[in-house]
């Protein structure tokens, strides 16, 4: 499941519009990787429904340099990720 709270990203991934140049490389790169998946689906969600991305975006405003998380779930979104996993199970 590819989920986006951006209608532009969602529409570009669906092939409904040409992606703006600012995200074209991301859209093309994503589409090139789809053959690795057995099933794919695209979903648009409102920003309020995408709390993980929303929380990370708010957090990013306070980062002066860069932050890297490897392997572990970032602490800033751990509760939301756990909640999402529990809803799927």
PDB file of N, CA and C in Angstrom:
ATOM      1  N   UNK A   1       0.840  -1.164   0.000  1.00  0.00           N
ATOM      2  CA  UNK A   1       0.000   0.000   0.000  1.00  0.00           C
ATOM      3  C   UNK A   1       0.891   1.235   0.000  1.00  0.00           C
ATOM      4  N   UNK A   2       0.702   2.060  -0.988  1.00  0.00           N
ATOM      5  CA  UNK A   2       1.387   3.344  -1.056  1.00  0.00           C
ATOM      6  C   UNK A   2       0.353   4.396  -0.673  1.00  0.00           C
ATOM      7  N   UNK A   3       0.606   5.096   0.416  1.00  0.00           N
ATOM      8  CA  UNK A   3      -0.357   6.058   0.938  1.00  0.00           C
ATOM      9  C   UNK A   3       0.259   7.444   0.909  1.00  0.00           C
ATOM     10  N   UNK A   4      -0.523   8.408   0.474  1.00  0.00           N
ATOM     11  CA  UNK A   4      -0.034   9.783   0.412  1.00  0.00           C
ATOM     12  C   UNK A   4      -1.131  10.732   0.860  1.00  0.00           C
ATOM     13  N   UNK A   5      -0.729  11.789   1.557  1.00  0.00           N
ATOM     14  CA  UNK A   5      -1.703  12.824   1.890  1.00  0.00           C
ATOM     15  C   UNK A   5      -1.628  13.972   0.877  1.00  0.00           C
ATOM     16  N   UNK A   6      -0.851  13.769  -0.176  1.00  0.00           N
ATOM     17  CA  UNK A   6      -0.749  14.748  -1.253  1.00  0.00           C
ATOM     18  C   UNK A   6      -1.492  14.223  -2.474  1.00  0.00           C
ATOM     19  N   UNK A   7      -2.527  14.948  -2.890  1.00  0.00           N
ATOM     20  CA  UNK A   7      -3.286  14.540  -4.065  1.00  0.00           C
ATOM     21  C   UNK A   7      -2.412  14.596  -5.315  1.00  0.00           C
ATOM     22  N   UNK A   8      -1.442  15.501  -5.348  1.00  0.00           N
ATOM     23  CA  UNK A   8      -0.535  15.593  -6.493  1.00  0.00           C
ATOM     24  C   UNK A   8       0.314  14.329  -6.595  1.00  0.00           C
ATOM     25  N   UNK A   9       0.901  13.897  -5.483  1.00  0.00           N
ATOM     26  CA  UNK A   9       1.716  12.675  -5.480  1.00  0.00           C
ATOM     27  C   UNK A   9       0.854  11.474  -5.843  1.00  0.00           C
ATOM     28  N   UNK A  10      -0.306  11.362  -5.222  1.00  0.00           N
ATOM     29  CA  UNK A  10      -1.226  10.256  -5.495  1.00  0.00           C
ATOM     30  C   UNK A  10      -1.583  10.208  -6.982  1.00  0.00           C
ATOM     31  N   UNK A  11      -1.960  11.342  -7.548  1.00  0.00           N
ATOM     32  CA  UNK A  11      -2.360  11.398  -8.957  1.00  0.00           C
ATOM     33  C   UNK A  11      -1.198  11.080  -9.886  1.00  0.00           C
ATOM     34  N   UNK A  12      -0.004  11.545  -9.539  1.00  0.00           N
ATOM     35  CA  UNK A  12       1.176  11.265 -10.366  1.00  0.00           C
ATOM     36  C   UNK A  12       1.515   9.779 -10.337  1.00  0.00           C
ATOM     37  N   UNK A  13       1.441   9.149  -9.173  1.00  0.00           N
ATOM     38  CA  UNK A  13       1.723   7.715  -9.073  1.00  0.00           C
ATOM     39  C   UNK A  13       0.686   6.887  -9.827  1.00  0.00           C
ATOM     40  N   UNK A  14      -0.536   7.375  -9.882  1.00  0.00           N
ATOM     41  CA  UNK A  14      -1.602   6.687 -10.609  1.00  0.00           C
ATOM     42  C   UNK A  14      -1.494   6.921 -12.117  1.00  0.00           C
ATOM     43  N   UNK A  15      -0.647   7.859 -12.522  1.00  0.00           N
ATOM     44  CA  UNK A  15      -0.511   8.178 -13.938  1.00  0.00           C
ATOM     45  C   UNK A  15      -1.590   9.111 -14.441  1.00  0.00           C
ATOM     46  N   UNK A  16      -2.285   9.775 -13.532  1.00  0.00           N
ATOM     47  CA  UNK A  16      -3.370  10.671 -13.915  1.00  0.00           C
ATOM     48  C   UNK A  16      -2.868  12.050 -14.317  1.00  0.00           C
ATOM     49  N   UNK A  17      -1.698  12.432 -13.805  1.00  0.00           N
ATOM     50  CA  UNK A  17      -1.091  13.722 -14.143  1.00  0.00           C
ATOM     51  C   UNK A  17       0.412  13.528 -14.312  1.00  0.00           C
ATOM     52  N   UNK A  18       1.032  14.486 -14.975  1.00  0.00           N
ATOM     53  CA  UNK A  18       2.489  14.529 -15.035  1.00  0.00           C
ATOM     54  C   UNK A  18       2.977  15.108 -13.706  1.00  0.00           C
ATOM     55  N   UNK A  19       3.956  14.482 -13.082  1.00  0.00           N
ATOM     56  CA  UNK A  19       4.419  15.026 -11.801  1.00  0.00           C
ATOM     57  C   UNK A  19       5.146  16.349 -11.991  1.00  0.00           C
ATOM     58  N   UNK A  20       4.985  17.270 -11.056  1.00  0.00           N
ATOM     59  CA  UNK A  20       5.756  18.508 -11.109  1.00  0.00           C
ATOM     60  C   UNK A  20       7.252  18.185 -11.047  1.00  0.00           C
ATOM     61  N   UNK A  21       8.064  19.027 -11.617  1.00  0.00           N
ATOM     62  CA  UNK A  21       9.507  18.757 -11.664  1.00  0.00           C
ATOM     63  C   UNK A  21      10.114  18.595 -10.272  1.00  0.00           C
ATOM     64  N   UNK A  22       9.525  19.233  -9.264  1.00  0.00           N
ATOM     65  CA  UNK A  22      10.070  19.150  -7.905  1.00  0.00           C
ATOM     66  C   UNK A  22       9.962  17.752  -7.301  1.00  0.00           C
ATOM     67  N   UNK A  23       9.036  16.933  -7.782  1.00  0.00           N
ATOM     68  CA  UNK A  23       8.882  15.569  -7.253  1.00  0.00           C
ATOM     69  C   UNK A  23       9.009  14.504  -8.334  1.00  0.00           C
ATOM     70  N   UNK A  24       9.327  14.923  -9.541  1.00  0.00           N
ATOM     71  CA  UNK A  24       9.375  13.986 -10.662  1.00  0.00           C
ATOM     72  C   UNK A  24      10.336  12.824 -10.408  1.00  0.00           C
ATOM     73  N   UNK A  25      11.523  13.103  -9.883  1.00  0.00           N
ATOM     74  CA  UNK A  25      12.502  12.038  -9.654  1.00  0.00           C
ATOM     75  C   UNK A  25      12.016  11.038  -8.609  1.00  0.00           C
ATOM     76  N   UNK A  26      11.275  11.503  -7.614  1.00  0.00           N
ATOM     77  CA  UNK A  26      10.733  10.605  -6.584  1.00  0.00           C
ATOM     78  C   UNK A  26       9.644   9.721  -7.182  1.00  0.00           C
ATOM     79  N   UNK A  27       8.759  10.307  -7.964  1.00  0.00           N
ATOM     80  CA  UNK A  27       7.672   9.547  -8.590  1.00  0.00           C
ATOM     81  C   UNK A  27       8.234   8.515  -9.557  1.00  0.00           C
ATOM     82  N   UNK A  28       9.153   8.915 -10.408  1.00  0.00           N
ATOM     83  CA  UNK A  28       9.748   7.983 -11.375  1.00  0.00           C
ATOM     84  C   UNK A  28      10.496   6.870 -10.650  1.00  0.00           C
ATOM     85  N   UNK A  29      11.262   7.214  -9.632  1.00  0.00           N
ATOM     86  CA  UNK A  29      11.984   6.202  -8.862  1.00  0.00           C
ATOM     87  C   UNK A  29      11.050   5.215  -8.192  1.00  0.00           C
ATOM     88  N   UNK A  30       9.956   5.717  -7.655  1.00  0.00           N
ATOM     89  CA  UNK A  30       8.962   4.843  -7.021  1.00  0.00           C
ATOM     90  C   UNK A  30       8.340   3.915  -8.051  1.00  0.00           C
ATOM     91  N   UNK A  31       7.923   4.455  -9.177  1.00  0.00           N
ATOM     92  CA  UNK A  31       7.282   3.639 -10.210  1.00  0.00           C
ATOM     93  C   UNK A  31       8.223   2.565 -10.748  1.00  0.00           C
ATOM     94  N   UNK A  32       9.496   2.867 -10.814  1.00  0.00           N
ATOM     95  CA  UNK A  32      10.470   1.874 -11.297  1.00  0.00           C
ATOM     96  C   UNK A  32      10.628   0.696 -10.341  1.00  0.00           C
ATOM     97  N   UNK A  33      10.320   0.895  -9.083  1.00  0.00           N
ATOM     98  CA  UNK A  33      10.484  -0.163  -8.080  1.00  0.00           C
ATOM     99  C   UNK A  33       9.234  -1.028  -7.905  1.00  0.00           C
ATOM    100  N   UNK A  34       8.141  -0.671  -8.541  1.00  0.00           N
ATOM    101  CA  UNK A  34       6.883  -1.385  -8.324  1.00  0.00           C
ATOM    102  C   UNK A  34       6.931  -2.845  -8.754  1.00  0.00           C
ATOM    103  N   UNK A  35       7.766  -3.181  -9.710  1.00  0.00           N
ATOM    104  CA  UNK A  35       7.809  -4.570 -10.184  1.00  0.00           C
ATOM    105  C   UNK A  35       8.323  -5.534  -9.118  1.00  0.00           C
ATOM    106  N   UNK A  36       8.904  -5.014  -8.046  1.00  0.00           N
ATOM    107  CA  UNK A  36       9.384  -5.871  -6.961  1.00  0.00           C
ATOM    108  C   UNK A  36       8.246  -6.345  -6.047  1.00  0.00           C
ATOM    109  N   UNK A  37       7.068  -5.777  -6.202  1.00  0.00           N
ATOM    110  CA  UNK A  37       5.936  -6.108  -5.339  1.00  0.00           C
ATOM    111  C   UNK A  37       4.956  -7.023  -6.060  1.00  0.00           C
ATOM    112  N   UNK A  38       4.379  -7.966  -5.324  1.00  0.00           N
ATOM    113  CA  UNK A  38       3.373  -8.857  -5.895  1.00  0.00           C
ATOM    114  C   UNK A  38       2.057  -8.125  -6.115  1.00  0.00           C
ATOM    115  N   UNK A  39       1.703  -7.266  -5.195  1.00  0.00           N
ATOM    116  CA  UNK A  39       0.489  -6.464  -5.303  1.00  0.00           C
ATOM    117  C   UNK A  39       0.816  -5.030  -4.907  1.00  0.00           C
ATOM    118  N   UNK A  40       0.145  -4.101  -5.560  1.00  0.00           N
ATOM    119  CA  UNK A  40       0.313  -2.699  -5.194  1.00  0.00           C
ATOM    120  C   UNK A  40      -1.050  -2.030  -5.168  1.00  0.00           C
ATOM    121  N   UNK A  41      -1.165  -1.056  -4.335  1.00  0.00           N
ATOM    122  CA  UNK A  41      -2.366  -0.231  -4.284  1.00  0.00           C
ATOM    123  C   UNK A  41      -1.940   1.161  -3.843  1.00  0.00           C
ATOM    124  N   UNK A  42      -2.615   2.143  -4.390  1.00  0.00           N
ATOM    125  CA  UNK A  42      -2.351   3.526  -4.020  1.00  0.00           C
ATOM    126  C   UNK A  42      -3.560   4.059  -3.270  1.00  0.00           C
ATOM    127  N   UNK A  43      -3.299   4.858  -2.265  1.00  0.00           N
ATOM    128  CA  UNK A  43      -4.383   5.400  -1.455  1.00  0.00           C
ATOM    129  C   UNK A  43      -4.086   6.853  -1.116  1.00  0.00           C
ATOM    130  N   UNK A  44      -5.122   7.681  -1.200  1.00  0.00           N
ATOM    131  CA  UNK A  44      -4.997   9.065  -0.752  1.00  0.00           C
ATOM    132  C   UNK A  44      -5.694   9.178   0.591  1.00  0.00           C
ATOM    133  N   UNK A  45      -5.027   9.796   1.529  1.00  0.00           N
ATOM    134  CA  UNK A  45      -5.618  10.029   2.846  1.00  0.00           C
ATOM    135  C   UNK A  45      -5.468  11.500   3.183  1.00  0.00           C
ATOM    136  N   UNK A  46      -6.406  12.010   3.932  1.00  0.00           N
ATOM    137  CA  UNK A  46      -6.289  13.403   4.354  1.00  0.00           C
ATOM    138  C   UNK A  46      -5.167  13.528   5.374  1.00  0.00           C
ATOM    139  N   UNK A  47      -4.593  14.689   5.465  1.00  0.00           N
ATOM    140  CA  UNK A  47      -3.445  14.913   6.347  1.00  0.00           C
ATOM    141  C   UNK A  47      -3.738  14.473   7.784  1.00  0.00           C
ATOM    142  N   UNK A  48      -4.956  14.686   8.239  1.00  0.00           N
ATOM    143  CA  UNK A  48      -5.310  14.292   9.606  1.00  0.00           C
ATOM    144  C   UNK A  48      -5.246  12.774   9.781  1.00  0.00           C
ATOM    145  N   UNK A  49      -5.418  12.037   8.706  1.00  0.00           N
ATOM    146  CA  UNK A  49      -5.372  10.581   8.766  1.00  0.00           C
ATOM    147  C   UNK A  49      -3.973  10.020   8.632  1.00  0.00           C
ATOM    148  N   UNK A  50      -3.019  10.867   8.355  1.00  0.00           N
ATOM    149  CA  UNK A  50      -1.643  10.426   8.162  1.00  0.00           C
ATOM    150  C   UNK A  50      -0.783  11.018   9.280  1.00  0.00           C
ATOM    151  N   UNK A  51      -1.049  10.591  10.498  1.00  0.00           N
ATOM    152  CA  UNK A  51      -0.398  11.202  11.658  1.00  0.00           C
ATOM    153  C   UNK A  51       1.107  10.983  11.688  1.00  0.00           C
ATOM    154  N   UNK A  52       1.567   9.861  11.152  1.00  0.00           N
ATOM    155  CA  UNK A  52       3.010   9.592  11.164  1.00  0.00           C
ATOM    156  C   UNK A  52       3.755  10.614  10.310  1.00  0.00           C
ATOM    157  N   UNK A  53       3.309  10.803   9.088  1.00  0.00           N
ATOM    158  CA  UNK A  53       3.962  11.777   8.203  1.00  0.00           C
ATOM    159  C   UNK A  53       3.803  13.191   8.745  1.00  0.00           C
ATOM    160  N   UNK A  54       2.636  13.493   9.284  1.00  0.00           N
ATOM    161  CA  UNK A  54       2.385  14.819   9.827  1.00  0.00           C
ATOM    162  C   UNK A  54       3.320  15.116  11.001  1.00  0.00           C
ATOM    163  N   UNK A  55       3.490  14.147  11.890  1.00  0.00           N
ATOM    164  CA  UNK A  55       4.378  14.337  13.049  1.00  0.00           C
ATOM    165  C   UNK A  55       5.832  14.504  12.598  1.00  0.00           C
ATOM    166  N   UNK A  56       6.258  13.699  11.617  1.00  0.00           N
ATOM    167  CA  UNK A  56       7.635  13.820  11.124  1.00  0.00           C
ATOM    168  C   UNK A  56       7.859  15.166  10.449  1.00  0.00           C
ATOM    169  N   UNK A  57       6.877  15.634   9.694  1.00  0.00           N
ATOM    170  CA  UNK A  57       7.015  16.929   9.026  1.00  0.00           C
ATOM    171  C   UNK A  57       7.142  18.062  10.040  1.00  0.00           C
ATOM    172  N   UNK A  58       6.338  18.013  11.093  1.00  0.00           N
ATOM    173  CA  UNK A  58       6.439  19.040  12.145  1.00  0.00           C
ATOM    174  C   UNK A  58       7.804  18.984  12.829  1.00  0.00           C
ATOM    175  N   UNK A  59       8.275  17.771  13.095  1.00  0.00           N
ATOM    176  CA  UNK A  59       9.579  17.584  13.739  1.00  0.00           C
ATOM    177  C   UNK A  59      10.709  18.115  12.848  1.00  0.00           C
ATOM    178  N   UNK A  60      10.576  17.934  11.552  1.00  0.00           N
ATOM    179  CA  UNK A  60      11.627  18.335  10.608  1.00  0.00           C
ATOM    180  C   UNK A  60      11.894  19.837  10.637  1.00  0.00           C
ATOM    181  N   UNK A  61      10.897  20.621  11.000  1.00  0.00           N
ATOM    182  CA  UNK A  61      11.090  22.073  11.072  1.00  0.00           C
ATOM    183  C   UNK A  61      12.143  22.465  12.104  1.00  0.00           C
ATOM    184  N   UNK A  62      12.369  21.612  13.090  1.00  0.00           N
ATOM    185  CA  UNK A  62      13.303  21.931  14.169  1.00  0.00           C
ATOM    186  C   UNK A  62      14.686  21.323  13.966  1.00  0.00           C
ATOM    187  N   UNK A  63      14.883  20.592  12.887  1.00  0.00           N
ATOM    188  CA  UNK A  63      16.176  19.965  12.619  1.00  0.00           C
ATOM    189  C   UNK A  63      17.063  20.970  11.902  1.00  0.00           C
ATOM    190  N   UNK A  64      18.214  21.254  12.477  1.00  0.00           N
ATOM    191  CA  UNK A  64      19.119  22.237  11.872  1.00  0.00           C
ATOM    192  C   UNK A  64      20.035  21.616  10.834  1.00  0.00           C
ATOM    193  N   UNK A  65      20.455  20.387  11.035  1.00  0.00           N
ATOM    194  CA  UNK A  65      21.370  19.729  10.110  1.00  0.00           C
ATOM    195  C   UNK A  65      20.659  18.550   9.454  1.00  0.00           C
ATOM    196  N   UNK A  66      20.800  17.364   9.986  1.00  0.00           N
ATOM    197  CA  UNK A  66      20.064  16.206   9.497  1.00  0.00           C
ATOM    198  C   UNK A  66      19.994  15.157  10.589  1.00  0.00           C
ATOM    199  N   UNK A  67      19.052  14.251  10.445  1.00  0.00           N
ATOM    200  CA  UNK A  67      18.866  13.161  11.398  1.00  0.00           C
ATOM    201  C   UNK A  67      18.723  11.882  10.592  1.00  0.00           C
ATOM    202  N   UNK A  68      19.368  10.823  11.061  1.00  0.00           N
ATOM    203  CA  UNK A  68      19.266   9.521  10.402  1.00  0.00           C
ATOM    204  C   UNK A  68      18.820   8.484  11.413  1.00  0.00           C
ATOM    205  N   UNK A  69      17.816   7.702  11.040  1.00  0.00           N
ATOM    206  CA  UNK A  69      17.381   6.576  11.864  1.00  0.00           C
ATOM    207  C   UNK A  69      17.614   5.317  11.058  1.00  0.00           C
ATOM    208  N   UNK A  70      18.241   4.344  11.669  1.00  0.00           N
ATOM    209  CA  UNK A  70      18.488   3.078  10.974  1.00  0.00           C
ATOM    210  C   UNK A  70      17.969   1.932  11.827  1.00  0.00           C
ATOM    211  N   UNK A  71      17.202   1.073  11.213  1.00  0.00           N
ATOM    212  CA  UNK A  71      16.681  -0.162  11.800  1.00  0.00           C
ATOM    213  C   UNK A  71      15.571   0.052  12.815  1.00  0.00           C
ATOM    214  N   UNK A  72      15.728   0.938  13.769  1.00  0.00           N
ATOM    215  CA  UNK A  72      14.706   1.132  14.791  1.00  0.00           C
ATOM    216  C   UNK A  72      13.695   2.187  14.355  1.00  0.00           C
ATOM    217  N   UNK A  73      12.485   2.062  14.861  1.00  0.00           N
ATOM    218  CA  UNK A  73      11.463   3.069  14.600  1.00  0.00           C
ATOM    219  C   UNK A  73      11.864   4.365  15.292  1.00  0.00           C
ATOM    220  N   UNK A  74      11.811   5.488  14.590  1.00  0.00           N
ATOM    221  CA  UNK A  74      12.158   6.761  15.219  1.00  0.00           C
ATOM    222  C   UNK A  74      11.266   7.018  16.437  1.00  0.00           C
ATOM    223  N   UNK A  75      11.850   7.437  17.548  1.00  0.00           N
ATOM    224  CA  UNK A  75      11.064   7.670  18.769  1.00  0.00           C
ATOM    225  C   UNK A  75       9.909   8.648  18.573  1.00  0.00           C
ATOM    226  N   UNK A  76      10.080   9.613  17.686  1.00  0.00           N
ATOM    227  CA  UNK A  76       9.059  10.637  17.478  1.00  0.00           C
ATOM    228  C   UNK A  76       7.748  10.053  16.950  1.00  0.00           C
ATOM    229  N   UNK A  77       7.802   8.867  16.308  1.00  0.00           N
ATOM    230  CA  UNK A  77       6.594   8.264  15.732  1.00  0.00           C
ATOM    231  C   UNK A  77       6.314   6.855  16.255  1.00  0.00           C
ATOM    232  N   UNK A  78       7.034   6.423  17.261  1.00  0.00           N
ATOM    233  CA  UNK A  78       6.918   5.039  17.744  1.00  0.00           C
ATOM    234  C   UNK A  78       5.495   4.679  18.166  1.00  0.00           C
ATOM    235  N   UNK A  79       4.810   5.569  18.854  1.00  0.00           N
ATOM    236  CA  UNK A  79       3.451   5.280  19.317  1.00  0.00           C
ATOM    237  C   UNK A  79       2.503   5.112  18.133  1.00  0.00           C
ATOM    238  N   UNK A  80       2.602   5.996  17.135  1.00  0.00           N
ATOM    239  CA  UNK A  80       1.726   5.915  15.972  1.00  0.00           C
ATOM    240  C   UNK A  80       1.989   4.650  15.156  1.00  0.00           C
ATOM    241  N   UNK A  81       3.258   4.291  14.988  1.00  0.00           N
ATOM    242  CA  UNK A  81       3.599   3.075  14.244  1.00  0.00           C
ATOM    243  C   UNK A  81       3.038   1.853  14.956  1.00  0.00           C
ATOM    244  N   UNK A  82       3.201   1.796  16.255  1.00  0.00           N
ATOM    245  CA  UNK A  82       2.670   0.679  17.039  1.00  0.00           C
ATOM    246  C   UNK A  82       1.154   0.589  16.899  1.00  0.00           C
ATOM    247  N   UNK A  83       0.493   1.711  16.932  1.00  0.00           N
ATOM    248  CA  UNK A  83      -0.962   1.746  16.779  1.00  0.00           C
ATOM    249  C   UNK A  83      -1.380   1.247  15.398  1.00  0.00           C
ATOM    250  N   UNK A  84      -0.675   1.685  14.347  1.00  0.00           N
ATOM    251  CA  UNK A  84      -0.970   1.225  12.985  1.00  0.00           C
ATOM    252  C   UNK A  84      -0.788  -0.281  12.860  1.00  0.00           C
ATOM    253  N   UNK A  85       0.283  -0.805  13.411  1.00  0.00           N
ATOM    254  CA  UNK A  85       0.558  -2.243  13.342  1.00  0.00           C
ATOM    255  C   UNK A  85      -0.537  -3.024  14.062  1.00  0.00           C
ATOM    256  N   UNK A  86      -0.968  -2.533  15.209  1.00  0.00           N
ATOM    257  CA  UNK A  86      -2.025  -3.209  15.964  1.00  0.00           C
ATOM    258  C   UNK A  86      -3.353  -3.202  15.218  1.00  0.00           C
ATOM    259  N   UNK A  87      -3.630  -2.152  14.450  1.00  0.00           N
ATOM    260  CA  UNK A  87      -4.871  -2.087  13.677  1.00  0.00           C
ATOM    261  C   UNK A  87      -4.855  -3.067  12.514  1.00  0.00           C
ATOM    262  N   UNK A  88      -3.681  -3.325  11.955  1.00  0.00           N
ATOM    263  CA  UNK A  88      -3.554  -4.256  10.829  1.00  0.00           C
ATOM    264  C   UNK A  88      -3.703  -5.690  11.304  1.00  0.00           C
ATOM    265  N   UNK A  89      -3.147  -5.986  12.460  1.00  0.00           N
ATOM    266  CA  UNK A  89      -3.154  -7.362  12.985  1.00  0.00           C
ATOM    267  C   UNK A  89      -4.540  -7.830  13.356  1.00  0.00           C
TER     268      UNK A  89
END
